[in-house]
Amino acid sequence: MLQPVSTPADVIANIHRYVSELEKSEPMQRRLSHHPAWYALRHEDGWIFGPSKFVGCRQNSVEQYLRFYRNPNDGRMTEHALRSLFPRAVDPDSRLGRELFEALRTYLARWGRSPNRRARITVVSETPVAVSASSLDREALFSRVVSNPAVCGGRPCIRGTRIRVTDIIEMLASGANTQEILDDYPDLAREDIQAALAYAARIADHRVIRAA
């Protein structure tokens, strides 16, 4: 029976295994354009990728993957497990998103394939995203904040919600801690609060030039 992944380490091991096995498996290469959900890992030579249905099963193998490839229940199981570990896909219009999709296109082109038109990419990390992390992690944070004229008058909000950055900052300023905010707003993730802080810090750091 298939078992879903339960830790980031499971996912990372599966991505490495997928990359290795893909090189020598023509049946897997033929399916490259079918995958709508990809998980990306920063590697010393650039980005490497694995599709959700492969990387979401613990200790997956080519034989197991090909045997259960068309079972929709397995796809739902792996996506549920993966989203509990990495809840947000990267915004394709962000700088990180453009970098990732270009890397995926280049990767699949080695086998004459292109990404599924519904493709989405999620970044895999061994550690939680932090405000003080690398520029890659900062871009992942900032992609959580969006401005839409049709939502809250265009004020910056957490993606997929009507919760404004200022709402989160005001709650923190009033003495609420992260866990209290998460308890009151179950649609938020811990990274959303970090994103609000990072966004506010970026805005506050803007240089102001006054006319003489």
C-alpha atoms as a PDB file:
ATOM      1  CA  MET A   1       0.000   0.000   0.000  1.00  0.00           C
ATOM      2  CA  LEU A   2       1.289   3.458  -0.905  1.00  0.00           C
ATOM      3  CA  GLN A   3       2.328   5.679   2.003  1.00  0.00           C
ATOM      4  CA  PRO A   4       2.400   9.485   1.678  1.00  0.00           C
ATOM      5  CA  VAL A   5       5.473  11.483   2.607  1.00  0.00           C
ATOM      6  CA  SER A   6       5.501  12.990   6.087  1.00  0.00           C
ATOM      7  CA  THR A   7       8.666  15.098   6.217  1.00  0.00           C
ATOM      8  CA  PRO A   8      10.562  17.482   3.903  1.00  0.00           C
ATOM      9  CA  ALA A   9      13.422  14.954   3.947  1.00  0.00           C
ATOM     10  CA  ASP A  10      11.109  12.366   2.322  1.00  0.00           C
ATOM     11  CA  VAL A  11      10.302  14.813  -0.476  1.00  0.00           C
ATOM     12  CA  ILE A  12      13.911  15.838  -1.032  1.00  0.00           C
ATOM     13  CA  ALA A  13      15.022  12.203  -1.289  1.00  0.00           C
ATOM     14  CA  ASN A  14      12.245  11.507  -3.801  1.00  0.00           C
ATOM     15  CA  ILE A  15      13.195  14.478  -5.994  1.00  0.00           C
ATOM     16  CA  HIS A  16      16.777  13.253  -6.179  1.00  0.00           C
ATOM     17  CA  ARG A  17      15.541   9.739  -6.953  1.00  0.00           C
ATOM     18  CA  TYR A  18      13.191  11.012  -9.666  1.00  0.00           C
ATOM     19  CA  VAL A  19      15.946  13.016 -11.379  1.00  0.00           C
ATOM     20  CA  SER A  20      18.225   9.981 -11.376  1.00  0.00           C
ATOM     21  CA  GLU A  21      15.587   7.529 -12.625  1.00  0.00           C
ATOM     22  CA  LEU A  22      14.209   9.869 -15.288  1.00  0.00           C
ATOM     23  CA  GLU A  23      17.480   9.714 -17.205  1.00  0.00           C
ATOM     24  CA  LYS A  24      16.992   6.010 -17.951  1.00  0.00           C
ATOM     25  CA  SER A  25      13.206   5.570 -18.081  1.00  0.00           C
ATOM     26  CA  GLU A  26      11.522   6.331 -21.408  1.00  0.00           C
ATOM     27  CA  PRO A  27       7.988   5.701 -20.002  1.00  0.00           C
ATOM     28  CA  MET A  28       8.601   8.394 -17.394  1.00  0.00           C
ATOM     29  CA  GLN A  29      10.003  10.769 -20.012  1.00  0.00           C
ATOM     30  CA  ARG A  30       6.845  10.364 -22.112  1.00  0.00           C
ATOM     31  CA  ARG A  31       4.733  11.579 -19.175  1.00  0.00           C
ATOM     32  CA  LEU A  32       6.682  14.770 -18.538  1.00  0.00           C
ATOM     33  CA  SER A  33       4.108  17.075 -20.142  1.00  0.00           C
ATOM     34  CA  HIS A  34       1.230  15.468 -18.224  1.00  0.00           C
ATOM     35  CA  HIS A  35       2.190  16.679 -14.743  1.00  0.00           C
ATOM     36  CA  PRO A  36       0.358  19.785 -13.469  1.00  0.00           C
ATOM     37  CA  ALA A  37       2.133  20.003 -10.092  1.00  0.00           C
ATOM     38  CA  TRP A  38       5.909  20.154  -9.722  1.00  0.00           C
ATOM     39  CA  TYR A  39       8.125  20.457  -6.664  1.00  0.00           C
ATOM     40  CA  ALA A  40      11.435  22.273  -7.067  1.00  0.00           C
ATOM     41  CA  LEU A  41      14.632  21.949  -5.055  1.00  0.00           C
ATOM     42  CA  ARG A  42      17.624  24.264  -5.253  1.00  0.00           C
ATOM     43  CA  HIS A  43      20.650  22.172  -6.201  1.00  0.00           C
ATOM     44  CA  GLU A  44      24.311  23.107  -6.534  1.00  0.00           C
ATOM     45  CA  ASP A  45      23.924  23.121 -10.336  1.00  0.00           C
ATOM     46  CA  GLY A  46      20.564  24.922 -10.367  1.00  0.00           C
ATOM     47  CA  TRP A  47      16.974  23.780  -9.887  1.00  0.00           C
ATOM     48  CA  ILE A  48      15.886  20.151  -9.974  1.00  0.00           C
ATOM     49  CA  PHE A  49      12.259  19.027 -10.150  1.00  0.00           C
ATOM     50  CA  GLY A  50       9.895  16.170  -9.374  1.00  0.00           C
ATOM     51  CA  PRO A  51       6.156  15.799 -10.065  1.00  0.00           C
ATOM     52  CA  SER A  52       3.790  15.588  -7.097  1.00  0.00           C
ATOM     53  CA  LYS A  53       2.610  12.064  -7.833  1.00  0.00           C
ATOM     54  CA  PHE A  54       6.172  10.775  -7.617  1.00  0.00           C
ATOM     55  CA  VAL A  55       7.644  12.882  -4.828  1.00  0.00           C
ATOM     56  CA  GLY A  56       4.544  12.611  -2.619  1.00  0.00           C
ATOM     57  CA  CYS A  57       4.854   8.836  -2.021  1.00  0.00           C
ATOM     58  CA  ARG A  58       7.349   7.707   0.566  1.00  0.00           C
ATOM     59  CA  GLN A  59      10.396   5.900  -0.890  1.00  0.00           C
ATOM     60  CA  ASN A  60       8.865   5.888  -4.341  1.00  0.00           C
ATOM     61  CA  SER A  61      10.324   3.958  -7.262  1.00  0.00           C
ATOM     62  CA  VAL A  62       9.886   3.897 -11.021  1.00  0.00           C
ATOM     63  CA  GLU A  63       8.085   0.566 -10.890  1.00  0.00           C
ATOM     64  CA  GLN A  64       5.639   1.732  -8.232  1.00  0.00           C
ATOM     65  CA  TYR A  65       5.098   5.072  -9.934  1.00  0.00           C
ATOM     66  CA  LEU A  66       4.294   3.526 -13.319  1.00  0.00           C
ATOM     67  CA  ARG A  67       2.011   0.943 -11.715  1.00  0.00           C
ATOM     68  CA  PHE A  68      -0.156   3.528  -9.973  1.00  0.00           C
ATOM     69  CA  TYR A  69       0.317   6.488 -12.311  1.00  0.00           C
ATOM     70  CA  ARG A  70      -3.326   6.621 -13.505  1.00  0.00           C
ATOM     71  CA  ASN A  71      -4.963   6.131 -10.107  1.00  0.00           C
ATOM     72  CA  PRO A  72      -6.633   9.496  -9.217  1.00  0.00           C
ATOM     73  CA  ASN A  73      -6.872   8.569  -5.544  1.00  0.00           C
ATOM     74  CA  ASP A  74      -3.083   8.408  -5.321  1.00  0.00           C
ATOM     75  CA  GLY A  75      -2.846  11.887  -6.823  1.00  0.00           C
ATOM     76  CA  ARG A  76      -5.208  13.303  -4.203  1.00  0.00           C
ATOM     77  CA  MET A  77      -3.297  11.529  -1.439  1.00  0.00           C
ATOM     78  CA  THR A  78       0.085  12.869  -2.522  1.00  0.00           C
ATOM     79  CA  GLU A  79      -1.178  16.420  -3.028  1.00  0.00           C
ATOM     80  CA  HIS A  80      -2.763  16.452   0.435  1.00  0.00           C
ATOM     81  CA  ALA A  81       0.460  15.254   2.023  1.00  0.00           C
ATOM     82  CA  LEU A  82       2.627  17.685   0.081  1.00  0.00           C
ATOM     83  CA  ARG A  83       0.444  20.709   0.761  1.00  0.00           C
ATOM     84  CA  SER A  84       0.590  20.018   4.480  1.00  0.00           C
ATOM     85  CA  LEU A  85       4.374  20.423   4.210  1.00  0.00           C
ATOM     86  CA  PHE A  86       4.579  23.119   1.520  1.00  0.00           C
ATOM     87  CA  PRO A  87       1.193  24.897   1.367  1.00  0.00           C
ATOM     88  CA  ARG A  88       1.800  27.550  -1.282  1.00  0.00           C
ATOM     89  CA  ALA A  89       2.858  27.303  -4.925  1.00  0.00           C
ATOM     90  CA  VAL A  90       5.092  30.086  -6.247  1.00  0.00           C
ATOM     91  CA  ASP A  91       3.398  32.990  -8.031  1.00  0.00           C
ATOM     92  CA  PRO A  92       4.362  32.448 -11.705  1.00  0.00           C
ATOM     93  CA  ASP A  93       4.505  36.229 -12.243  1.00  0.00           C
ATOM     94  CA  SER A  94       7.029  36.817  -9.448  1.00  0.00           C
ATOM     95  CA  ARG A  95      10.753  36.947 -10.128  1.00  0.00           C
ATOM     96  CA  LEU A  96      11.189  33.557  -8.477  1.00  0.00           C
ATOM     97  CA  GLY A  97       8.245  32.172 -10.462  1.00  0.00           C
ATOM     98  CA  ARG A  98       9.724  33.288 -13.777  1.00  0.00           C
ATOM     99  CA  GLU A  99      13.072  31.765 -12.836  1.00  0.00           C
ATOM    100  CA  LEU A 100      11.461  28.457 -11.879  1.00  0.00           C
ATOM    101  CA  PHE A 101       9.260  28.127 -14.956  1.00  0.00           C
ATOM    102  CA  GLU A 102      12.176  28.912 -17.251  1.00  0.00           C
ATOM    103  CA  ALA A 103      14.284  26.292 -15.461  1.00  0.00           C
ATOM    104  CA  LEU A 104      11.467  23.730 -15.788  1.00  0.00           C
ATOM    105  CA  ARG A 105      11.033  24.483 -19.501  1.00  0.00           C
ATOM    106  CA  THR A 106      14.771  24.049 -20.058  1.00  0.00           C
ATOM    107  CA  TYR A 107      14.787  20.824 -18.064  1.00  0.00           C
ATOM    108  CA  LEU A 108      11.878  19.201 -19.931  1.00  0.00           C
ATOM    109  CA  ALA A 109      13.236  20.338 -23.301  1.00  0.00           C
ATOM    110  CA  ARG A 110      16.060  17.819 -22.872  1.00  0.00           C
ATOM    111  CA  TRP A 111      13.465  15.154 -23.720  1.00  0.00           C
ATOM    112  CA  GLY A 112      11.564  17.218 -26.260  1.00  0.00           C
ATOM    113  CA  ARG A 113       8.779  18.014 -23.795  1.00  0.00           C
ATOM    114  CA  SER A 114       7.264  21.231 -22.445  1.00  0.00           C
ATOM    115  CA  PRO A 115       5.417  21.971 -19.163  1.00  0.00           C
ATOM    116  CA  ASN A 116       1.703  21.296 -18.857  1.00  0.00           C
ATOM    117  CA  ARG A 117      -0.234  24.513 -19.503  1.00  0.00           C
ATOM    118  CA  ARG A 118      -1.713  24.217 -15.986  1.00  0.00           C
ATOM    119  CA  ALA A 119       1.681  23.648 -14.372  1.00  0.00           C
ATOM    120  CA  ARG A 120       2.355  25.082 -10.938  1.00  0.00           C
ATOM    121  CA  ILE A 121       5.605  24.889  -8.996  1.00  0.00           C
ATOM    122  CA  THR A 122       6.210  24.710  -5.254  1.00  0.00           C
ATOM    123  CA  VAL A 123       9.630  25.233  -3.702  1.00  0.00           C
ATOM    124  CA  VAL A 124      10.879  22.540  -1.314  1.00  0.00           C
ATOM    125  CA  SER A 125      13.026  23.490   1.654  1.00  0.00           C
ATOM    126  CA  GLU A 126      14.437  21.566   4.601  1.00  0.00           C
ATOM    127  CA  THR A 127      13.737  24.483   6.941  1.00  0.00           C
ATOM    128  CA  PRO A 128      10.819  26.916   7.359  1.00  0.00           C
ATOM    129  CA  VAL A 129      11.005  30.160   5.407  1.00  0.00           C
ATOM    130  CA  ALA A 130      12.375  32.979   7.567  1.00  0.00           C
ATOM    131  CA  VAL A 131      12.402  36.730   7.080  1.00  0.00           C
ATOM    132  CA  SER A 132      16.190  36.809   7.398  1.00  0.00           C
ATOM    133  CA  ALA A 133      16.787  33.989   4.911  1.00  0.00           C
ATOM    134  CA  SER A 134      18.335  34.206   1.447  1.00  0.00           C
ATOM    135  CA  SER A 135      17.016  36.298  -1.434  1.00  0.00           C
ATOM    136  CA  LEU A 136      15.345  33.156  -2.789  1.00  0.00           C
ATOM    137  CA  ASP A 137      13.346  32.768   0.431  1.00  0.00           C
ATOM    138  CA  ARG A 138      12.526  36.484   0.506  1.00  0.00           C
ATOM    139  CA  GLU A 139      11.004  36.212  -2.958  1.00  0.00           C
ATOM    140  CA  ALA A 140       8.945  33.244  -1.792  1.00  0.00           C
ATOM    141  CA  LEU A 141       7.711  35.373   1.097  1.00  0.00           C
ATOM    142  CA  PHE A 142       6.888  38.414  -1.007  1.00  0.00           C
ATOM    143  CA  SER A 143       4.924  36.274  -3.466  1.00  0.00           C
ATOM    144  CA  ARG A 144       2.399  35.722  -0.645  1.00  0.00           C
ATOM    145  CA  VAL A 145       1.449  39.423  -0.672  1.00  0.00           C
ATOM    146  CA  VAL A 146      -0.686  40.713  -3.548  1.00  0.00           C
ATOM    147  CA  SER A 147      -2.555  43.885  -4.455  1.00  0.00           C
ATOM    148  CA  ASN A 148      -5.825  43.590  -6.372  1.00  0.00           C
ATOM    149  CA  PRO A 149      -7.992  46.668  -7.055  1.00  0.00           C
ATOM    150  CA  ALA A 150     -11.072  44.464  -6.582  1.00  0.00           C
ATOM    151  CA  VAL A 151      -9.993  43.311  -3.101  1.00  0.00           C
ATOM    152  CA  CYS A 152      -9.781  45.682  -0.137  1.00  0.00           C
ATOM    153  CA  GLY A 153      -9.420  48.674  -2.439  1.00  0.00           C
ATOM    154  CA  GLY A 154      -6.088  47.445  -3.777  1.00  0.00           C
ATOM    155  CA  ARG A 155      -4.390  47.438  -0.372  1.00  0.00           C
ATOM    156  CA  PRO A 156      -1.736  44.711   0.002  1.00  0.00           C
ATOM    157  CA  CYS A 157      -3.342  41.459   1.217  1.00  0.00           C
ATOM    158  CA  ILE A 158      -2.235  37.904   1.835  1.00  0.00           C
ATOM    159  CA  ARG A 159      -2.828  35.937  -1.369  1.00  0.00           C
ATOM    160  CA  GLY A 160      -6.174  34.128  -1.453  1.00  0.00           C
ATOM    161  CA  THR A 161      -7.605  36.092   1.493  1.00  0.00           C
ATOM    162  CA  ARG A 162      -9.003  39.517   2.362  1.00  0.00           C
ATOM    163  CA  ILE A 163      -6.575  39.856   5.258  1.00  0.00           C
ATOM    164  CA  ARG A 164      -4.509  42.999   4.770  1.00  0.00           C
ATOM    165  CA  VAL A 165      -0.843  43.352   5.635  1.00  0.00           C
ATOM    166  CA  THR A 166      -1.819  46.252   7.894  1.00  0.00           C
ATOM    167  CA  ASP A 167      -4.283  43.994   9.758  1.00  0.00           C
ATOM    168  CA  ILE A 168      -1.463  41.597  10.661  1.00  0.00           C
ATOM    169  CA  ILE A 169       0.962  44.370  11.596  1.00  0.00           C
ATOM    170  CA  GLU A 170      -1.646  46.056  13.804  1.00  0.00           C
ATOM    171  CA  MET A 171      -2.404  42.775  15.596  1.00  0.00           C
ATOM    172  CA  LEU A 172       1.301  42.214  16.277  1.00  0.00           C
ATOM    173  CA  ALA A 173       1.698  45.822  17.429  1.00  0.00           C
ATOM    174  CA  SER A 174      -1.221  45.316  19.818  1.00  0.00           C
ATOM    175  CA  GLY A 175       0.580  42.437  21.510  1.00  0.00           C
ATOM    176  CA  ALA A 176      -0.843  39.385  19.718  1.00  0.00           C
ATOM    177  CA  ASN A 177       1.664  36.635  19.041  1.00  0.00           C
ATOM    178  CA  THR A 178       1.917  34.514  15.913  1.00  0.00           C
ATOM    179  CA  GLN A 179       0.027  31.536  17.327  1.00  0.00           C
ATOM    180  CA  GLU A 180      -2.842  33.722  18.516  1.00  0.00           C
ATOM    181  CA  ILE A 181      -3.205  35.212  15.041  1.00  0.00           C
ATOM    182  CA  LEU A 182      -3.131  31.763  13.436  1.00  0.00           C
ATOM    183  CA  ASP A 183      -5.795  30.544  15.861  1.00  0.00           C
ATOM    184  CA  ASP A 184      -8.044  33.509  15.024  1.00  0.00           C
ATOM    185  CA  TYR A 185      -7.432  33.314  11.262  1.00  0.00           C
ATOM    186  CA  PRO A 186      -7.167  29.646  10.168  1.00  0.00           C
ATOM    187  CA  ASP A 187      -6.724  30.696   6.507  1.00  0.00           C
ATOM    188  CA  LEU A 188      -3.299  32.088   7.393  1.00  0.00           C
ATOM    189  CA  ALA A 189      -0.032  30.161   7.526  1.00  0.00           C
ATOM    190  CA  ARG A 190       2.928  31.080   9.709  1.00  0.00           C
ATOM    191  CA  GLU A 191       4.791  32.165   6.561  1.00  0.00           C
ATOM    192  CA  ASP A 192       1.998  34.650   5.781  1.00  0.00           C
ATOM    193  CA  ILE A 193       2.736  36.510   9.000  1.00  0.00           C
ATOM    194  CA  GLN A 194       6.438  36.500   8.169  1.00  0.00           C
ATOM    195  CA  ALA A 195       5.552  37.776   4.691  1.00  0.00           C
ATOM    196  CA  ALA A 196       3.537  40.658   6.164  1.00  0.00           C
ATOM    197  CA  LEU A 197       6.489  41.646   8.362  1.00  0.00           C
ATOM    198  CA  ALA A 198       8.931  41.387   5.457  1.00  0.00           C
ATOM    199  CA  TYR A 199       6.640  43.436   3.209  1.00  0.00           C
ATOM    200  CA  ALA A 200       6.193  46.126   5.872  1.00  0.00           C
ATOM    201  CA  ALA A 201       9.965  46.259   6.412  1.00  0.00           C
ATOM    202  CA  ARG A 202      10.562  46.702   2.685  1.00  0.00           C
ATOM    203  CA  ILE A 203       8.014  49.537   2.481  1.00  0.00           C
ATOM    204  CA  ALA A 204       9.413  51.260   5.576  1.00  0.00           C
ATOM    205  CA  ASP A 205      12.896  51.128   4.076  1.00  0.00           C
ATOM    206  CA  HIS A 206      11.899  53.093   0.953  1.00  0.00           C
ATOM    207  CA  ARG A 207      13.915  56.234   0.578  1.00  0.00           C
ATOM    208  CA  VAL A 208      11.897  59.465   0.815  1.00  0.00           C
ATOM    209  CA  ILE A 209      13.063  62.420  -1.318  1.00  0.00           C
ATOM    210  CA  ARG A 210      11.612  65.812  -0.466  1.00  0.00           C
ATOM    211  CA  ALA A 211      11.446  68.667  -2.938  1.00  0.00           C
ATOM    212  CA  ALA A 212      13.486  71.717  -2.023  1.00  0.00           C
END
